């Protein structure tokens, strides 16, 4: 099972492709303390703990507090994705000491960055991201964000990041938007280019192989919101789904849970609810785009996985 903490809805960026409902609501010390008690008094099988935002590093103190005081009966891996601008040496040290999987979210095509990222003094931030990526390349993972518009420069951006000595990639195409036929072709062709690059004995790890979700892009696991309400999906982060929070709620950290996660009927009915909501909020063309984007990415992952084992077996000979 994965556990997701939503630490804040605030962010120092306002990226156009990000659907997170940006506002100042953040988790409190009271909610953190109660959530840890809630976890201590339940017997989940938690393998991963992920910190979400907004920008989670706006709440570094709370991240450290949760990790240091996480119930000892669990032994999860911790995951944080950040826009990198708030990373500092102390947090890198803390991450290494606590086996945190730290991911930098990056686009890299500067023209697209100017268009997609909204931040005062953005150019200085871009230089800071490059500096941090170079400095911590041997430790961090990178989410390479691929929108329909920058799909034509996908491989160029990948190669730029690779040349900074990053060797752990999670490719993240924008799912819930309408893609044209031309953009699909760009995406497919450049995934093939990345695959050919890998086959040519260039080494990197594909983080996508560690991830799976029953709902494309959105996680389907235990989610603790900033107010202590519990959901079974991080769909509620999006401004589009704010109105559905009452329907998606499954409990809270003060009154425990209303559902058993091992109940197949609950899981199936919750999935049906999510898909019904998605159909209400997105056009049929967007949902069709989701299927094609997912298919292209899955085919790439399958090919990569097969080639990985071939290269591994040859290395043993």
Protein backbone atom coordinates (compact mmCIF):
# COMPACT_ATOMS: atom_id res chain seq x y z
CA UNK A 1 0.00 0.00 0.00
CA UNK A 2 1.04 3.59 -0.66
CA UNK A 3 0.30 6.44 1.72
CA UNK A 4 0.12 9.98 0.38
CA UNK A 5 0.41 13.03 2.63
CA UNK A 6 -0.92 16.21 1.07
CA UNK A 7 1.22 18.77 2.88
CA UNK A 8 0.06 21.96 1.20
CA UNK A 9 -1.94 23.29 -1.74
CA UNK A 10 0.46 26.20 -2.05
CA UNK A 11 3.34 26.41 -4.53
CA UNK A 12 5.95 28.96 -5.55
CA UNK A 13 5.19 28.12 -9.19
CA UNK A 14 1.95 28.37 -11.16
CA UNK A 15 2.64 25.94 -14.00
CA UNK A 16 -0.09 26.02 -16.63
CA UNK A 17 -0.28 22.24 -17.05
CA UNK A 18 -0.64 21.60 -13.30
CA UNK A 19 -4.25 21.04 -12.18
CA UNK A 20 -3.57 21.31 -8.45
CA UNK A 21 -6.04 23.68 -6.81
CA UNK A 22 -3.58 26.31 -5.56
CA UNK A 23 -4.42 27.98 -2.25
CA UNK A 24 -2.79 28.53 1.14
CA UNK A 25 -4.25 25.52 2.98
CA UNK A 26 -1.48 23.45 4.57
CA UNK A 27 -1.21 20.63 7.05
CA UNK A 28 -0.83 21.51 10.75
CA UNK A 29 1.18 19.97 13.56
CA UNK A 30 -2.07 18.75 15.13
CA UNK A 31 -3.03 16.87 11.95
CA UNK A 32 0.45 15.36 11.70
CA UNK A 33 0.41 14.15 15.30
CA UNK A 34 -3.07 12.67 14.94
CA UNK A 35 -2.19 11.01 11.62
CA UNK A 36 0.80 9.29 13.20
CA UNK A 37 -1.45 8.07 16.04
CA UNK A 38 -3.97 6.87 13.45
CA UNK A 39 -1.25 4.90 11.64
CA UNK A 40 0.07 3.48 14.91
CA UNK A 41 -3.37 2.21 15.89
CA UNK A 42 -4.04 0.58 12.52
CA UNK A 43 -2.25 -2.29 10.83
CA UNK A 44 -1.82 -1.31 7.24
CA UNK A 45 0.90 -2.70 5.01
CA UNK A 46 2.59 0.56 4.00
CA UNK A 47 5.49 0.19 1.58
CA UNK A 48 5.69 3.75 0.26
CA UNK A 49 5.00 7.15 1.78
CA UNK A 50 4.74 10.04 -0.70
CA UNK A 51 4.66 13.75 0.11
CA UNK A 52 2.49 15.78 -2.26
CA UNK A 53 1.64 19.43 -2.82
CA UNK A 54 1.62 22.07 -4.20
CA UNK A 55 5.33 22.28 -3.55
CA UNK A 56 6.04 19.88 -0.65
CA UNK A 57 9.38 21.50 0.25
CA UNK A 58 7.45 24.55 1.43
CA UNK A 59 6.85 22.30 4.45
CA UNK A 60 10.31 20.82 5.04
CA UNK A 61 9.87 20.90 8.83
CA UNK A 62 6.72 18.77 8.62
CA UNK A 63 8.37 16.30 6.22
CA UNK A 64 11.22 15.81 8.69
CA UNK A 65 8.81 15.50 11.61
CA UNK A 66 6.71 12.81 9.90
CA UNK A 67 9.73 10.78 8.83
CA UNK A 68 11.45 10.98 12.23
CA UNK A 69 8.27 9.97 14.10
CA UNK A 70 6.74 7.52 11.63
CA UNK A 71 5.53 4.39 13.51
CA UNK A 72 8.40 1.95 13.85
CA UNK A 73 6.25 -1.05 12.92
CA UNK A 74 6.29 0.26 9.36
CA UNK A 75 9.45 0.43 7.31
CA UNK A 76 8.41 2.34 4.19
CA UNK A 77 10.39 4.11 1.50
CA UNK A 78 9.75 7.85 1.33
CA UNK A 79 9.19 9.81 -1.89
CA UNK A 80 9.18 13.54 -2.61
CA UNK A 81 8.75 15.33 -5.95
CA UNK A 82 9.85 18.96 -6.06
CA UNK A 83 10.39 21.77 -8.56
CA UNK A 84 13.93 21.88 -7.03
CA UNK A 85 14.09 25.60 -6.25
CA UNK A 86 13.79 25.03 -2.47
CA UNK A 87 16.37 22.26 -2.27
CA UNK A 88 19.38 22.97 -0.07
CA UNK A 89 22.39 21.02 1.16
CA UNK A 90 20.83 20.30 4.57
CA UNK A 91 17.76 18.73 3.00
CA UNK A 92 19.89 16.63 0.65
CA UNK A 93 21.84 15.33 3.65
CA UNK A 94 18.58 14.54 5.46
CA UNK A 95 17.26 12.78 2.35
CA UNK A 96 20.35 10.61 2.05
CA UNK A 97 20.33 9.75 5.74
CA UNK A 98 16.68 8.69 5.57
CA UNK A 99 16.70 6.95 2.16
CA UNK A 100 14.30 9.45 0.64
CA UNK A 101 13.68 9.07 -3.09
CA UNK A 102 13.95 12.68 -4.21
CA UNK A 103 12.58 13.59 -7.63
CA UNK A 104 13.14 16.83 -9.53
CA UNK A 105 10.32 17.84 -11.88
CA UNK A 106 11.82 19.39 -15.01
CA UNK A 107 10.77 20.41 -18.57
CA UNK A 108 14.00 21.88 -19.93
CA UNK A 109 12.95 23.40 -23.21
CA UNK A 110 13.49 27.05 -22.22
CA UNK A 111 10.88 28.46 -24.62
CA UNK A 112 8.29 26.05 -23.28
CA UNK A 113 9.38 26.80 -19.73
CA UNK A 114 8.70 30.48 -20.23
CA UNK A 115 5.26 29.55 -21.52
CA UNK A 116 4.32 26.90 -18.94
CA UNK A 117 5.97 28.10 -15.73
CA UNK A 118 4.74 31.24 -14.04
CA UNK A 119 7.14 32.72 -11.51
CA UNK A 120 8.78 36.06 -10.90
CA UNK A 121 12.49 35.98 -11.85
CA UNK A 122 11.93 32.65 -13.61
CA UNK A 123 15.24 32.78 -15.48
CA UNK A 124 17.19 32.87 -12.20
CA UNK A 125 15.14 29.91 -10.99
CA UNK A 126 15.91 28.01 -14.19
CA UNK A 127 19.64 28.55 -13.57
CA UNK A 128 19.18 27.34 -9.97
CA UNK A 129 17.41 24.18 -11.20
CA UNK A 130 20.29 23.42 -13.58
CA UNK A 131 22.82 24.02 -10.79
CA UNK A 132 20.97 21.74 -8.34
CA UNK A 133 20.45 19.04 -10.95
CA UNK A 134 24.15 18.97 -11.83
CA UNK A 135 25.16 18.98 -8.18
CA UNK A 136 22.86 16.15 -7.08
CA UNK A 137 22.56 14.19 -10.33
CA UNK A 138 23.97 11.00 -8.81
CA UNK A 139 21.28 11.02 -6.12
CA UNK A 140 18.04 12.40 -7.55
CA UNK A 141 15.48 11.12 -10.02
CA UNK A 142 13.96 13.36 -12.67
CA UNK A 143 10.35 13.64 -13.76
CA UNK A 144 10.62 14.79 -17.35
CA UNK A 145 7.33 16.53 -17.98
CA UNK A 146 6.14 16.14 -21.59
CA UNK A 147 3.26 18.32 -22.71
CA UNK A 148 1.63 18.14 -26.12
CA UNK A 149 3.45 21.35 -27.07
CA UNK A 150 6.96 20.27 -26.05
CA UNK A 151 6.58 16.70 -27.37
CA UNK A 152 8.43 17.81 -30.51
CA UNK A 153 11.52 18.58 -28.38
CA UNK A 154 11.17 15.60 -26.05
CA UNK A 155 14.41 13.83 -27.02
CA UNK A 156 16.43 17.05 -27.07
CA UNK A 157 15.24 17.79 -23.54
CA UNK A 158 15.95 14.24 -22.40
CA UNK A 159 19.49 14.41 -23.79
CA UNK A 160 20.06 17.76 -22.08
CA UNK A 161 19.10 16.25 -18.70
CA UNK A 162 21.12 13.09 -19.39
CA UNK A 163 24.19 15.20 -20.13
CA UNK A 164 23.86 16.69 -16.64
CA UNK A 165 24.62 13.13 -15.44
CA UNK A 166 21.09 12.29 -14.38
CA UNK A 167 20.57 8.53 -14.70
CA UNK A 168 17.11 7.98 -13.18
CA UNK A 169 14.17 9.10 -15.31
CA UNK A 170 10.42 9.08 -14.88
CA UNK A 171 8.78 10.20 -18.13
CA UNK A 172 5.57 12.07 -17.41
CA UNK A 173 3.46 13.00 -20.44
CA UNK A 174 0.51 15.28 -19.76
CA UNK A 175 -2.48 12.97 -19.61
CA UNK A 176 -5.69 14.93 -19.23
CA UNK A 177 -5.46 17.25 -22.21
CA UNK A 178 -6.47 16.90 -25.83
CA UNK A 179 -3.60 15.75 -28.04
CA UNK A 180 -3.58 16.12 -31.83
CA UNK A 181 -2.48 13.38 -34.22
CA UNK A 182 0.75 15.31 -34.90
CA UNK A 183 1.57 15.50 -31.17
CA UNK A 184 0.92 11.77 -30.75
CA UNK A 185 3.33 11.05 -33.60
CA UNK A 186 5.95 13.32 -32.00
CA UNK A 187 5.56 11.54 -28.67
CA UNK A 188 5.78 8.06 -30.17
CA UNK A 189 8.77 8.92 -32.37
CA UNK A 190 10.75 10.48 -29.55
CA UNK A 191 10.04 7.59 -27.19
CA UNK A 192 11.49 5.38 -29.92
CA UNK A 193 14.51 7.67 -30.08
CA UNK A 194 15.02 7.43 -26.31
CA UNK A 195 14.67 3.66 -26.55
CA UNK A 196 17.25 3.46 -29.35
CA UNK A 197 19.57 5.64 -27.29
CA UNK A 198 19.24 3.17 -24.41
CA UNK A 199 19.81 0.18 -26.66
CA UNK A 200 23.07 1.74 -27.82
CA UNK A 201 24.59 0.89 -24.42
CA UNK A 202 23.74 4.20 -22.81
CA UNK A 203 22.75 3.53 -19.24
CA UNK A 204 19.84 4.99 -17.30
CA UNK A 205 17.10 3.69 -15.00
CA UNK A 206 13.43 3.93 -15.96
CA UNK A 207 11.53 4.87 -12.79
CA UNK A 208 8.17 4.39 -14.57
CA UNK A 209 8.63 0.65 -14.11
CA UNK A 210 8.10 1.08 -10.35
CA UNK A 211 4.72 2.76 -10.76
CA UNK A 212 1.27 1.41 -11.48
CA UNK A 213 -2.18 2.88 -11.12
CA UNK A 214 -5.68 1.60 -11.91
CA UNK A 215 -6.56 5.13 -13.02
CA UNK A 216 -4.19 6.69 -15.54
CA UNK A 217 -1.90 9.25 -13.88
CA UNK A 218 -3.87 9.45 -10.61
CA UNK A 219 -2.82 7.33 -7.62
CA UNK A 220 -5.32 5.01 -5.97
CA UNK A 221 -4.09 4.61 -2.41
CA UNK A 222 -4.54 6.01 1.09
CA UNK A 223 -4.48 9.83 0.96
CA UNK A 224 -4.42 12.07 4.05
CA UNK A 225 -5.47 15.61 3.18
CA UNK A 226 -4.27 18.76 4.93
CA UNK A 227 -7.37 18.72 7.17
CA UNK A 228 -7.06 15.04 8.13
CA UNK A 229 -9.80 13.82 5.79
CA UNK A 230 -8.95 10.47 4.19
CA UNK A 231 -9.50 9.62 0.51
CA UNK A 232 -8.62 6.66 -1.67
CA UNK A 233 -7.31 8.84 -4.51
CA UNK A 234 -5.19 11.97 -5.00
CA UNK A 235 -7.71 13.11 -7.61
CA UNK A 236 -8.93 15.57 -4.98
CA UNK A 237 -5.78 17.68 -5.47
CA UNK A 238 -7.19 18.98 -8.76
CA UNK A 239 -9.36 22.08 -8.89
CA UNK A 240 -11.66 20.15 -11.23
CA UNK A 241 -12.58 17.69 -8.50
CA UNK A 242 -12.85 19.97 -5.47
CA UNK A 243 -16.65 19.69 -5.68
CA UNK A 244 -16.50 15.88 -5.41
CA UNK A 245 -14.58 15.68 -2.15
CA UNK A 246 -17.61 14.65 -0.10
CA UNK A 247 -18.32 11.79 -2.48
CA UNK A 248 -14.71 10.60 -2.48
CA UNK A 249 -14.17 10.85 1.29
CA UNK A 250 -13.73 7.49 3.06
CA UNK A 251 -13.03 8.65 6.63
CA UNK A 252 -10.76 10.86 8.70
CA UNK A 253 -7.84 10.44 11.08
CA UNK A 254 -9.98 11.36 14.11
CA UNK A 255 -12.86 8.92 13.57
CA UNK A 256 -10.97 6.18 11.71
CA UNK A 257 -12.04 4.53 8.49
CA UNK A 258 -15.43 3.58 7.15
CA UNK A 259 -14.11 1.05 4.64
CA UNK A 260 -11.91 -2.00 4.46
CA UNK A 261 -9.28 -1.63 1.72
CA UNK A 262 -9.24 -5.41 1.28
CA UNK A 263 -12.93 -5.38 0.39
CA UNK A 264 -13.02 -5.91 -3.39
CA UNK A 265 -16.56 -4.55 -3.59
CA UNK A 266 -15.41 -1.26 -2.02
CA UNK A 267 -12.41 -0.97 -4.36
CA UNK A 268 -14.47 -1.74 -7.48
CA UNK A 269 -17.26 0.67 -6.53
CA UNK A 270 -14.73 3.42 -5.77
CA UNK A 271 -13.09 2.90 -9.17
CA UNK A 272 -16.49 3.17 -10.85
CA UNK A 273 -17.12 6.41 -8.95
CA UNK A 274 -13.81 7.87 -10.12
CA UNK A 275 -14.42 6.98 -13.76
CA UNK A 276 -17.93 8.44 -13.59
CA UNK A 277 -16.44 11.70 -12.27
CA UNK A 278 -13.75 11.75 -14.97
CA UNK A 279 -16.40 11.29 -17.65
CA UNK A 280 -18.34 14.25 -16.25
CA UNK A 281 -15.35 16.59 -16.16
CA UNK A 282 -13.48 15.68 -19.35
CA UNK A 283 -14.61 15.50 -22.97
CA UNK A 284 -14.56 12.20 -24.85
CA UNK A 285 -11.64 13.51 -26.93
CA UNK A 286 -9.56 14.18 -23.80
CA UNK A 287 -10.34 10.72 -22.41
CA UNK A 288 -9.43 9.19 -25.75
CA UNK A 289 -6.13 11.11 -25.62
CA UNK A 290 -5.48 9.61 -22.17
CA UNK A 291 -5.78 6.11 -23.61
CA UNK A 292 -3.36 6.82 -26.47
CA UNK A 293 -0.81 8.58 -24.28
CA UNK A 294 -0.96 5.70 -21.80
CA UNK A 295 -0.59 3.13 -24.58
CA UNK A 296 2.49 4.87 -26.03
CA UNK A 297 4.11 5.10 -22.60
CA UNK A 298 3.24 1.49 -21.68
CA UNK A 299 4.65 0.15 -24.94
CA UNK A 300 7.87 2.05 -24.31
CA UNK A 301 8.06 0.66 -20.76
CA UNK A 302 7.49 -2.90 -22.00
CA UNK A 303 10.22 -2.60 -24.63
CA UNK A 304 12.58 -1.01 -22.14
CA UNK A 305 11.99 -3.76 -19.58
CA UNK A 306 12.68 -6.54 -22.10
CA UNK A 307 15.85 -4.82 -23.33
CA UNK A 308 17.00 -4.19 -19.77
CA UNK A 309 17.03 -7.94 -19.08
CA UNK A 310 18.83 -8.69 -22.33
CA UNK A 311 21.53 -6.14 -21.46
CA UNK A 312 21.72 -7.46 -17.91
CA UNK A 313 22.16 -11.08 -19.03
CA UNK A 314 24.84 -10.08 -21.53
CA UNK A 315 26.70 -8.19 -18.82
CA UNK A 316 26.91 -11.42 -16.80
CA UNK A 317 28.52 -13.40 -19.61
